[in-house]
Amino acid sequence: MHDPAEPADVPPEPTDTGDYEDAFEAVTRVIGWYRERILKETRATEPAPDFWYD
């Protein structure tokens, strides 16, 4: 019988968090890269035509 304290639709907690931590670090780095680029562009006096590619 199903225990109401543990809903059936909730996946179990991962036992190995190494992949999660690697993914979290990669996403954090990408977000940081975008934040730098956006900050650089917002502080520029003129828009850079090659903003995303230089």
PDB file of N, CA and C in Angstrom:
ATOM      1  N   MET A   1       0.833  -1.183   0.000  1.00  0.00           N
ATOM      2  CA  MET A   1       0.000   0.000   0.000  1.00  0.00           C
ATOM      3  C   MET A   1       0.878   1.247   0.000  1.00  0.00           C
ATOM      4  N   HIS A   2       0.377   2.272  -0.583  1.00  0.00           N
ATOM      5  CA  HIS A   2       1.102   3.529  -0.731  1.00  0.00           C
ATOM      6  C   HIS A   2       1.084   4.325   0.573  1.00  0.00           C
ATOM      7  N   ASP A   3       2.274   4.805   0.977  1.00  0.00           N
ATOM      8  CA  ASP A   3       2.417   5.604   2.190  1.00  0.00           C
ATOM      9  C   ASP A   3       2.172   7.073   1.841  1.00  0.00           C
ATOM     10  N   PRO A   4       1.166   7.747   2.414  1.00  0.00           N
ATOM     11  CA  PRO A   4       0.879   9.147   2.091  1.00  0.00           C
ATOM     12  C   PRO A   4       2.029  10.094   2.414  1.00  0.00           C
ATOM     13  N   ALA A   5       2.937   9.693   3.292  1.00  0.00           N
ATOM     14  CA  ALA A   5       4.075  10.546   3.636  1.00  0.00           C
ATOM     15  C   ALA A   5       5.068  10.631   2.480  1.00  0.00           C
ATOM     16  N   GLU A   6       5.022   9.664   1.565  1.00  0.00           N
ATOM     17  CA  GLU A   6       5.904   9.650   0.402  1.00  0.00           C
ATOM     18  C   GLU A   6       5.055   9.541  -0.854  1.00  0.00           C
ATOM     19  N   PRO A   7       4.724  10.675  -1.477  1.00  0.00           N
ATOM     20  CA  PRO A   7       3.901  10.638  -2.687  1.00  0.00           C
ATOM     21  C   PRO A   7       4.547   9.799  -3.785  1.00  0.00           C
ATOM     22  N   ALA A   8       3.724   9.090  -4.531  1.00  0.00           N
ATOM     23  CA  ALA A   8       4.208   8.187  -5.567  1.00  0.00           C
ATOM     24  C   ALA A   8       4.805   8.927  -6.761  1.00  0.00           C
ATOM     25  N   ASP A   9       4.395  10.179  -7.017  1.00  0.00           N
ATOM     26  CA  ASP A   9       4.868  10.892  -8.203  1.00  0.00           C
ATOM     27  C   ASP A   9       6.171  11.654  -7.976  1.00  0.00           C
ATOM     28  N   VAL A  10       6.771  11.562  -6.805  1.00  0.00           N
ATOM     29  CA  VAL A  10       8.031  12.246  -6.520  1.00  0.00           C
ATOM     30  C   VAL A  10       9.179  11.278  -6.789  1.00  0.00           C
ATOM     31  N   PRO A  11      10.129  11.666  -7.668  1.00  0.00           N
ATOM     32  CA  PRO A  11      11.251  10.767  -7.934  1.00  0.00           C
ATOM     33  C   PRO A  11      12.159  10.638  -6.714  1.00  0.00           C
ATOM     34  N   PRO A  12      12.843   9.520  -6.583  1.00  0.00           N
ATOM     35  CA  PRO A  12      13.735   9.336  -5.441  1.00  0.00           C
ATOM     36  C   PRO A  12      14.924  10.293  -5.518  1.00  0.00           C
ATOM     37  N   GLU A  13      15.499  10.604  -4.384  1.00  0.00           N
ATOM     38  CA  GLU A  13      16.684  11.458  -4.332  1.00  0.00           C
ATOM     39  C   GLU A  13      17.846  10.743  -5.021  1.00  0.00           C
ATOM     40  N   PRO A  14      18.663  11.486  -5.790  1.00  0.00           N
ATOM     41  CA  PRO A  14      19.808  10.846  -6.444  1.00  0.00           C
ATOM     42  C   PRO A  14      20.844  10.404  -5.412  1.00  0.00           C
ATOM     43  N   THR A  15      21.464   9.272  -5.669  1.00  0.00           N
ATOM     44  CA  THR A  15      22.488   8.789  -4.748  1.00  0.00           C
ATOM     45  C   THR A  15      23.857   9.351  -5.113  1.00  0.00           C
ATOM     46  N   ASP A  16      24.093   9.614  -6.402  1.00  0.00           N
ATOM     47  CA  ASP A  16      25.362  10.178  -6.857  1.00  0.00           C
ATOM     48  C   ASP A  16      25.100  11.590  -7.359  1.00  0.00           C
ATOM     49  N   THR A  17      25.610  12.581  -6.654  1.00  0.00           N
ATOM     50  CA  THR A  17      25.343  13.966  -7.023  1.00  0.00           C
ATOM     51  C   THR A  17      26.458  14.571  -7.864  1.00  0.00           C
ATOM     52  N   GLY A  18      27.444  13.789  -8.256  1.00  0.00           N
ATOM     53  CA  GLY A  18      28.553  14.304  -9.053  1.00  0.00           C
ATOM     54  C   GLY A  18      28.105  14.923 -10.358  1.00  0.00           C
ATOM     55  N   ASP A  19      27.209  14.250 -11.076  1.00  0.00           N
ATOM     56  CA  ASP A  19      26.710  14.785 -12.341  1.00  0.00           C
ATOM     57  C   ASP A  19      25.922  16.072 -12.114  1.00  0.00           C
ATOM     58  N   TYR A  20      25.137  16.104 -11.062  1.00  0.00           N
ATOM     59  CA  TYR A  20      24.361  17.299 -10.744  1.00  0.00           C
ATOM     60  C   TYR A  20      25.301  18.466 -10.466  1.00  0.00           C
ATOM     61  N   GLU A  21      26.329  18.238  -9.675  1.00  0.00           N
ATOM     62  CA  GLU A  21      27.270  19.304  -9.328  1.00  0.00           C
ATOM     63  C   GLU A  21      28.019  19.800 -10.561  1.00  0.00           C
ATOM     64  N   ASP A  22      28.400  18.888 -11.452  1.00  0.00           N
ATOM     65  CA  ASP A  22      29.061  19.291 -12.698  1.00  0.00           C
ATOM     66  C   ASP A  22      28.137  20.136 -13.561  1.00  0.00           C
ATOM     67  N   ALA A  23      26.896  19.724 -13.672  1.00  0.00           N
ATOM     68  CA  ALA A  23      25.918  20.480 -14.465  1.00  0.00           C
ATOM     69  C   ALA A  23      25.666  21.841 -13.833  1.00  0.00           C
ATOM     70  N   PHE A  24      25.542  21.878 -12.519  1.00  0.00           N
ATOM     71  CA  PHE A  24      25.306  23.139 -11.819  1.00  0.00           C
ATOM     72  C   PHE A  24      26.463  24.103 -12.065  1.00  0.00           C
ATOM     73  N   GLU A  25      27.688  23.611 -11.991  1.00  0.00           N
ATOM     74  CA  GLU A  25      28.862  24.452 -12.235  1.00  0.00           C
ATOM     75  C   GLU A  25      28.877  24.966 -13.674  1.00  0.00           C
ATOM     76  N   ALA A  26      28.559  24.103 -14.631  1.00  0.00           N
ATOM     77  CA  ALA A  26      28.548  24.515 -16.036  1.00  0.00           C
ATOM     78  C   ALA A  26      27.489  25.589 -16.281  1.00  0.00           C
ATOM     79  N   VAL A  27      26.310  25.403 -15.739  1.00  0.00           N
ATOM     80  CA  VAL A  27      25.239  26.393 -15.912  1.00  0.00           C
ATOM     81  C   VAL A  27      25.632  27.709 -15.242  1.00  0.00           C
ATOM     82  N   THR A  28      26.241  27.644 -14.077  1.00  0.00           N
ATOM     83  CA  THR A  28      26.686  28.847 -13.383  1.00  0.00           C
ATOM     84  C   THR A  28      27.718  29.605 -14.205  1.00  0.00           C
ATOM     85  N   ARG A  29      28.631  28.886 -14.844  1.00  0.00           N
ATOM     86  CA  ARG A  29      29.633  29.544 -15.691  1.00  0.00           C
ATOM     87  C   ARG A  29      28.990  30.209 -16.907  1.00  0.00           C
ATOM     88  N   VAL A  30      28.032  29.549 -17.514  1.00  0.00           N
ATOM     89  CA  VAL A  30      27.345  30.119 -18.684  1.00  0.00           C
ATOM     90  C   VAL A  30      26.585  31.379 -18.271  1.00  0.00           C
ATOM     91  N   ILE A  31      25.895  31.326 -17.155  1.00  0.00           N
ATOM     92  CA  ILE A  31      25.168  32.497 -16.674  1.00  0.00           C
ATOM     93  C   ILE A  31      26.140  33.641 -16.408  1.00  0.00           C
ATOM     94  N   GLY A  32      27.277  33.347 -15.808  1.00  0.00           N
ATOM     95  CA  GLY A  32      28.289  34.365 -15.552  1.00  0.00           C
ATOM     96  C   GLY A  32      28.804  34.987 -16.836  1.00  0.00           C
ATOM     97  N   TRP A  33      29.029  34.148 -17.847  1.00  0.00           N
ATOM     98  CA  TRP A  33      29.500  34.652 -19.137  1.00  0.00           C
ATOM     99  C   TRP A  33      28.482  35.614 -19.739  1.00  0.00           C
ATOM    100  N   TYR A  34      27.203  35.211 -19.730  1.00  0.00           N
ATOM    101  CA  TYR A  34      26.157  36.086 -20.267  1.00  0.00           C
ATOM    102  C   TYR A  34      26.053  37.381 -19.470  1.00  0.00           C
ATOM    103  N   ARG A  35      26.153  37.294 -18.167  1.00  0.00           N
ATOM    104  CA  ARG A  35      26.067  38.505 -17.338  1.00  0.00           C
ATOM    105  C   ARG A  35      27.189  39.470 -17.679  1.00  0.00           C
ATOM    106  N   GLU A  36      28.411  38.957 -17.863  1.00  0.00           N
ATOM    107  CA  GLU A  36      29.535  39.811 -18.254  1.00  0.00           C
ATOM    108  C   GLU A  36      29.266  40.502 -19.580  1.00  0.00           C
ATOM    109  N   ARG A  37      28.802  39.732 -20.552  1.00  0.00           N
ATOM    110  CA  ARG A  37      28.532  40.285 -21.890  1.00  0.00           C
ATOM    111  C   ARG A  37      27.438  41.348 -21.837  1.00  0.00           C
ATOM    112  N   ILE A  38      26.381  41.077 -21.099  1.00  0.00           N
ATOM    113  CA  ILE A  38      25.285  42.031 -20.989  1.00  0.00           C
ATOM    114  C   ILE A  38      25.750  43.300 -20.278  1.00  0.00           C
ATOM    115  N   LEU A  39      26.509  43.153 -19.202  1.00  0.00           N
ATOM    116  CA  LEU A  39      27.029  44.310 -18.483  1.00  0.00           C
ATOM    117  C   LEU A  39      27.939  45.143 -19.380  1.00  0.00           C
ATOM    118  N   LYS A  40      28.811  44.478 -20.116  1.00  0.00           N
ATOM    119  CA  LYS A  40      29.716  45.172 -21.032  1.00  0.00           C
ATOM    120  C   LYS A  40      28.910  45.955 -22.077  1.00  0.00           C
ATOM    121  N   GLU A  41      27.872  45.349 -22.615  1.00  0.00           N
ATOM    122  CA  GLU A  41      27.066  46.002 -23.643  1.00  0.00           C
ATOM    123  C   GLU A  41      26.252  47.151 -23.055  1.00  0.00           C
ATOM    124  N   THR A  42      25.717  46.995 -21.871  1.00  0.00           N
ATOM    125  CA  THR A  42      24.913  48.074 -21.294  1.00  0.00           C
ATOM    126  C   THR A  42      25.773  49.269 -20.898  1.00  0.00           C
ATOM    127  N   ARG A  43      27.047  49.054 -20.610  1.00  0.00           N
ATOM    128  CA  ARG A  43      27.946  50.158 -20.264  1.00  0.00           C
ATOM    129  C   ARG A  43      28.582  50.810 -21.489  1.00  0.00           C
ATOM    130  N   ALA A  44      28.464  50.202 -22.639  1.00  0.00           N
ATOM    131  CA  ALA A  44      29.066  50.741 -23.858  1.00  0.00           C
ATOM    132  C   ALA A  44      28.319  51.997 -24.300  1.00  0.00           C
ATOM    133  N   THR A  45      29.065  52.930 -24.900  1.00  0.00           N
ATOM    134  CA  THR A  45      28.430  54.151 -25.389  1.00  0.00           C
ATOM    135  C   THR A  45      27.692  53.905 -26.698  1.00  0.00           C
ATOM    136  N   GLU A  46      28.164  52.942 -27.473  1.00  0.00           N
ATOM    137  CA  GLU A  46      27.498  52.567 -28.717  1.00  0.00           C
ATOM    138  C   GLU A  46      27.368  51.053 -28.751  1.00  0.00           C
ATOM    139  N   PRO A  47      26.289  50.553 -29.322  1.00  0.00           N
ATOM    140  CA  PRO A  47      26.140  49.095 -29.400  1.00  0.00           C
ATOM    141  C   PRO A  47      27.220  48.469 -30.282  1.00  0.00           C
ATOM    142  N   ALA A  48      27.720  47.358 -29.849  1.00  0.00           N
ATOM    143  CA  ALA A  48      28.730  46.632 -30.620  1.00  0.00           C
ATOM    144  C   ALA A  48      28.024  45.747 -31.648  1.00  0.00           C
ATOM    145  N   PRO A  49      28.376  45.887 -32.933  1.00  0.00           N
ATOM    146  CA  PRO A  49      27.714  45.047 -33.942  1.00  0.00           C
ATOM    147  C   PRO A  49      28.028  43.559 -33.773  1.00  0.00           C
ATOM    148  N   ASP A  50      29.165  43.245 -33.204  1.00  0.00           N
ATOM    149  CA  ASP A  50      29.552  41.844 -33.003  1.00  0.00           C
ATOM    150  C   ASP A  50      29.459  41.464 -31.521  1.00  0.00           C
ATOM    151  N   PHE A  51      28.461  42.002 -30.846  1.00  0.00           N
ATOM    152  CA  PHE A  51      28.300  41.844 -29.411  1.00  0.00           C
ATOM    153  C   PHE A  51      28.456  40.410 -28.920  1.00  0.00           C
ATOM    154  N   TRP A  52      27.802  39.459 -29.543  1.00  0.00           N
ATOM    155  CA  TRP A  52      27.826  38.087 -29.056  1.00  0.00           C
ATOM    156  C   TRP A  52      29.003  37.283 -29.590  1.00  0.00           C
ATOM    157  N   TYR A  53      29.744  37.835 -30.514  1.00  0.00           N
ATOM    158  CA  TYR A  53      30.756  37.004 -31.177  1.00  0.00           C
ATOM    159  C   TYR A  53      32.188  37.447 -30.995  1.00  0.00           C
ATOM    160  N   ASP A  54      32.460  38.546 -30.286  1.00  0.00           N
ATOM    161  CA  ASP A  54      33.874  38.951 -30.186  1.00  0.00           C
ATOM    162  C   ASP A  54      34.581  38.322 -29.032  1.00  0.00           C
TER     163      ASP A  54
END
